[in-house]
Amino acid sequence: MTATEATIGLCSLCRHARVQRNAEGNQFWRCGRADSDDRYLRYPPLPVSACHGHERGEPRESRAAGPK
C-alpha cells in the first residue's frame, strides 16, 4: 500500500475521484459521482475504506480557479 492509498483510501484508485489543487498547493479529493447521485458525498471524509460506487481507475486532476 502506498502512502497515498493509506491517507486517501479507495479514492486514490477510483476513476470517479477528482483531485483539485488550489494556488497554495493544497489538495482536495472530490467524488465525481456526487455530481449526479446524492448518495455520495462531494468531499468524503478521508481515508475512504468502503464505497459502493468505487470503480478502479485513475483519478482526474484539475486546478481550482485562481483569482481574476
N, C-alpha and C. Protein backbone atom coordinates (compact mmCIF):
# COMPACT_ATOMS: atom_id res chain seq x y z
N MET A 1 0.86 -1.19 0.00
CA MET A 1 0.00 0.00 0.00
C MET A 1 0.90 1.24 0.00
N THR A 2 0.59 2.17 -0.89
CA THR A 2 1.38 3.41 -0.95
C THR A 2 0.90 4.39 0.11
N ALA A 3 1.67 5.44 0.33
CA ALA A 3 1.29 6.47 1.30
C ALA A 3 -0.02 7.13 0.89
N THR A 4 -0.21 7.36 -0.43
CA THR A 4 -1.45 7.97 -0.90
C THR A 4 -2.64 7.07 -0.63
N GLU A 5 -2.50 5.78 -0.91
CA GLU A 5 -3.59 4.84 -0.64
C GLU A 5 -3.93 4.82 0.84
N ALA A 6 -2.94 4.90 1.70
CA ALA A 6 -3.17 4.85 3.14
C ALA A 6 -3.88 6.10 3.65
N THR A 7 -3.54 7.28 3.11
CA THR A 7 -4.14 8.52 3.62
C THR A 7 -5.42 8.91 2.90
N ILE A 8 -5.57 8.50 1.64
CA ILE A 8 -6.76 8.86 0.85
C ILE A 8 -7.75 7.70 0.80
N GLY A 9 -7.26 6.50 0.74
CA GLY A 9 -8.12 5.32 0.67
C GLY A 9 -8.51 5.00 -0.76
N LEU A 10 -9.71 4.45 -0.92
CA LEU A 10 -10.18 4.00 -2.23
C LEU A 10 -10.21 5.09 -3.28
N CYS A 11 -10.42 6.32 -2.88
CA CYS A 11 -10.47 7.43 -3.85
C CYS A 11 -9.18 7.54 -4.66
N SER A 12 -8.06 7.17 -4.05
CA SER A 12 -6.78 7.28 -4.75
C SER A 12 -6.68 6.32 -5.92
N LEU A 13 -7.61 5.37 -6.00
CA LEU A 13 -7.62 4.37 -7.06
C LEU A 13 -8.95 4.36 -7.83
N CYS A 14 -9.71 5.44 -7.75
CA CYS A 14 -11.05 5.45 -8.35
C CYS A 14 -11.14 6.40 -9.54
N ARG A 15 -11.75 5.95 -10.62
CA ARG A 15 -11.86 6.78 -11.82
C ARG A 15 -12.85 7.93 -11.64
N HIS A 16 -13.68 7.89 -10.60
CA HIS A 16 -14.64 8.97 -10.34
C HIS A 16 -14.07 10.09 -9.47
N ALA A 17 -12.90 9.85 -8.88
CA ALA A 17 -12.29 10.84 -8.00
C ALA A 17 -11.75 12.02 -8.80
N ARG A 18 -11.87 13.19 -8.23
CA ARG A 18 -11.33 14.41 -8.82
C ARG A 18 -10.40 15.04 -7.80
N VAL A 19 -9.18 15.28 -8.19
CA VAL A 19 -8.20 15.92 -7.30
C VAL A 19 -8.12 17.38 -7.69
N GLN A 20 -8.42 18.25 -6.75
CA GLN A 20 -8.37 19.68 -7.01
C GLN A 20 -7.27 20.28 -6.15
N ARG A 21 -6.46 21.13 -6.76
CA ARG A 21 -5.38 21.82 -6.04
C ARG A 21 -5.63 23.32 -6.14
N ASN A 22 -5.39 23.99 -5.04
CA ASN A 22 -5.55 25.44 -5.07
C ASN A 22 -4.19 26.11 -5.25
N ALA A 23 -4.18 27.42 -5.32
CA ALA A 23 -2.94 28.17 -5.56
C ALA A 23 -1.90 27.94 -4.48
N GLU A 24 -2.33 27.62 -3.27
CA GLU A 24 -1.39 27.37 -2.17
C GLU A 24 -0.81 25.96 -2.22
N GLY A 25 -1.29 25.13 -3.13
CA GLY A 25 -0.79 23.77 -3.25
C GLY A 25 -1.57 22.75 -2.44
N ASN A 26 -2.63 23.17 -1.76
CA ASN A 26 -3.46 22.23 -1.01
C ASN A 26 -4.23 21.36 -2.00
N GLN A 27 -4.49 20.15 -1.60
CA GLN A 27 -5.18 19.22 -2.48
C GLN A 27 -6.47 18.74 -1.82
N PHE A 28 -7.54 18.68 -2.61
CA PHE A 28 -8.85 18.27 -2.14
C PHE A 28 -9.36 17.15 -3.03
N TRP A 29 -9.90 16.10 -2.42
CA TRP A 29 -10.42 14.96 -3.16
C TRP A 29 -11.93 15.05 -3.21
N ARG A 30 -12.46 15.12 -4.43
CA ARG A 30 -13.90 15.26 -4.64
C ARG A 30 -14.42 14.02 -5.37
N CYS A 31 -15.62 13.60 -5.02
CA CYS A 31 -16.25 12.44 -5.67
C CYS A 31 -17.06 12.91 -6.87
N GLY A 32 -16.67 12.48 -8.06
CA GLY A 32 -17.39 12.84 -9.28
C GLY A 32 -18.78 12.24 -9.34
N ARG A 33 -19.00 11.14 -8.65
CA ARG A 33 -20.34 10.52 -8.64
C ARG A 33 -21.35 11.43 -7.93
N ALA A 34 -20.88 12.25 -7.01
CA ALA A 34 -21.77 13.14 -6.25
C ALA A 34 -22.44 14.17 -7.15
N ASP A 35 -21.88 14.43 -8.33
CA ASP A 35 -22.47 15.40 -9.26
C ASP A 35 -23.84 14.96 -9.75
N SER A 36 -24.05 13.65 -9.85
CA SER A 36 -25.32 13.16 -10.38
C SER A 36 -26.06 12.19 -9.46
N ASP A 37 -25.45 11.85 -8.33
CA ASP A 37 -26.07 10.88 -7.42
C ASP A 37 -25.86 11.35 -5.98
N ASP A 38 -26.93 11.78 -5.34
CA ASP A 38 -26.79 12.35 -3.99
C ASP A 38 -26.57 11.31 -2.90
N ARG A 39 -26.38 10.05 -3.24
CA ARG A 39 -25.99 9.05 -2.25
C ARG A 39 -24.51 9.19 -1.88
N TYR A 40 -23.77 9.95 -2.70
CA TYR A 40 -22.34 10.12 -2.48
C TYR A 40 -22.05 11.52 -1.98
N LEU A 41 -21.09 11.62 -1.06
CA LEU A 41 -20.67 12.91 -0.54
C LEU A 41 -19.71 13.56 -1.53
N ARG A 42 -19.88 14.85 -1.78
CA ARG A 42 -19.00 15.56 -2.71
C ARG A 42 -17.55 15.51 -2.22
N TYR A 43 -17.32 15.76 -0.95
CA TYR A 43 -15.99 15.69 -0.35
C TYR A 43 -16.06 14.71 0.82
N PRO A 44 -15.86 13.40 0.56
CA PRO A 44 -15.98 12.41 1.63
C PRO A 44 -14.84 12.52 2.63
N PRO A 45 -15.11 12.16 3.89
CA PRO A 45 -14.03 12.13 4.88
C PRO A 45 -13.00 11.06 4.48
N LEU A 46 -11.74 11.42 4.57
CA LEU A 46 -10.68 10.51 4.16
C LEU A 46 -10.00 9.90 5.37
N PRO A 47 -9.50 8.69 5.29
CA PRO A 47 -9.48 7.83 4.12
C PRO A 47 -10.81 7.10 3.92
N VAL A 48 -11.15 6.85 2.67
CA VAL A 48 -12.36 6.11 2.33
C VAL A 48 -11.98 4.63 2.29
N SER A 49 -12.62 3.82 3.14
CA SER A 49 -12.28 2.40 3.19
C SER A 49 -13.33 1.51 2.53
N ALA A 50 -14.52 2.07 2.27
CA ALA A 50 -15.57 1.31 1.59
C ALA A 50 -16.45 2.26 0.79
N CYS A 51 -16.76 1.87 -0.45
CA CYS A 51 -17.61 2.70 -1.31
C CYS A 51 -18.26 1.81 -2.36
N HIS A 52 -19.59 1.82 -2.42
CA HIS A 52 -20.30 1.01 -3.40
C HIS A 52 -20.09 1.50 -4.83
N GLY A 53 -19.73 2.77 -4.99
CA GLY A 53 -19.54 3.34 -6.32
C GLY A 53 -18.12 3.29 -6.85
N HIS A 54 -17.22 2.72 -6.06
CA HIS A 54 -15.81 2.67 -6.46
C HIS A 54 -15.64 1.87 -7.75
N GLU A 55 -14.92 2.47 -8.70
CA GLU A 55 -14.52 1.78 -9.93
C GLU A 55 -13.04 2.07 -10.14
N ARG A 56 -12.26 1.01 -10.17
CA ARG A 56 -10.82 1.16 -10.27
C ARG A 56 -10.44 1.95 -11.53
N GLY A 57 -9.53 2.86 -11.36
CA GLY A 57 -9.05 3.67 -12.47
C GLY A 57 -8.24 4.83 -11.93
N GLU A 58 -7.86 5.72 -12.82
CA GLU A 58 -7.05 6.88 -12.45
C GLU A 58 -7.94 8.06 -12.09
N PRO A 59 -7.70 8.70 -10.94
CA PRO A 59 -8.41 9.94 -10.60
C PRO A 59 -8.04 11.03 -11.60
N ARG A 60 -8.95 11.98 -11.80
CA ARG A 60 -8.66 13.12 -12.67
C ARG A 60 -8.16 14.27 -11.82
N GLU A 61 -7.23 15.01 -12.38
CA GLU A 61 -6.69 16.16 -11.65
C GLU A 61 -7.16 17.44 -12.32
N SER A 62 -7.56 18.39 -11.50
CA SER A 62 -7.95 19.69 -12.02
C SER A 62 -7.43 20.76 -11.09
N ARG A 63 -7.21 21.91 -11.62
CA ARG A 63 -6.72 23.03 -10.81
C ARG A 63 -7.89 23.95 -10.52
N ALA A 64 -8.03 24.30 -9.26
CA ALA A 64 -9.10 25.23 -8.87
C ALA A 64 -8.84 26.59 -9.51
N ALA A 65 -9.89 27.28 -9.82
CA ALA A 65 -9.76 28.61 -10.44
C ALA A 65 -9.08 29.56 -9.48
N GLY A 66 -8.16 30.33 -9.97
CA GLY A 66 -7.45 31.30 -9.14
C GLY A 66 -8.13 32.65 -9.20
N PRO A 67 -7.59 33.64 -8.52
CA PRO A 67 -8.19 34.98 -8.54
C PRO A 67 -8.07 35.61 -9.92
N LYS A 68 -9.04 36.46 -10.25
CA LYS A 68 -9.06 37.11 -11.56
C LYS A 68 -8.58 38.52 -11.47
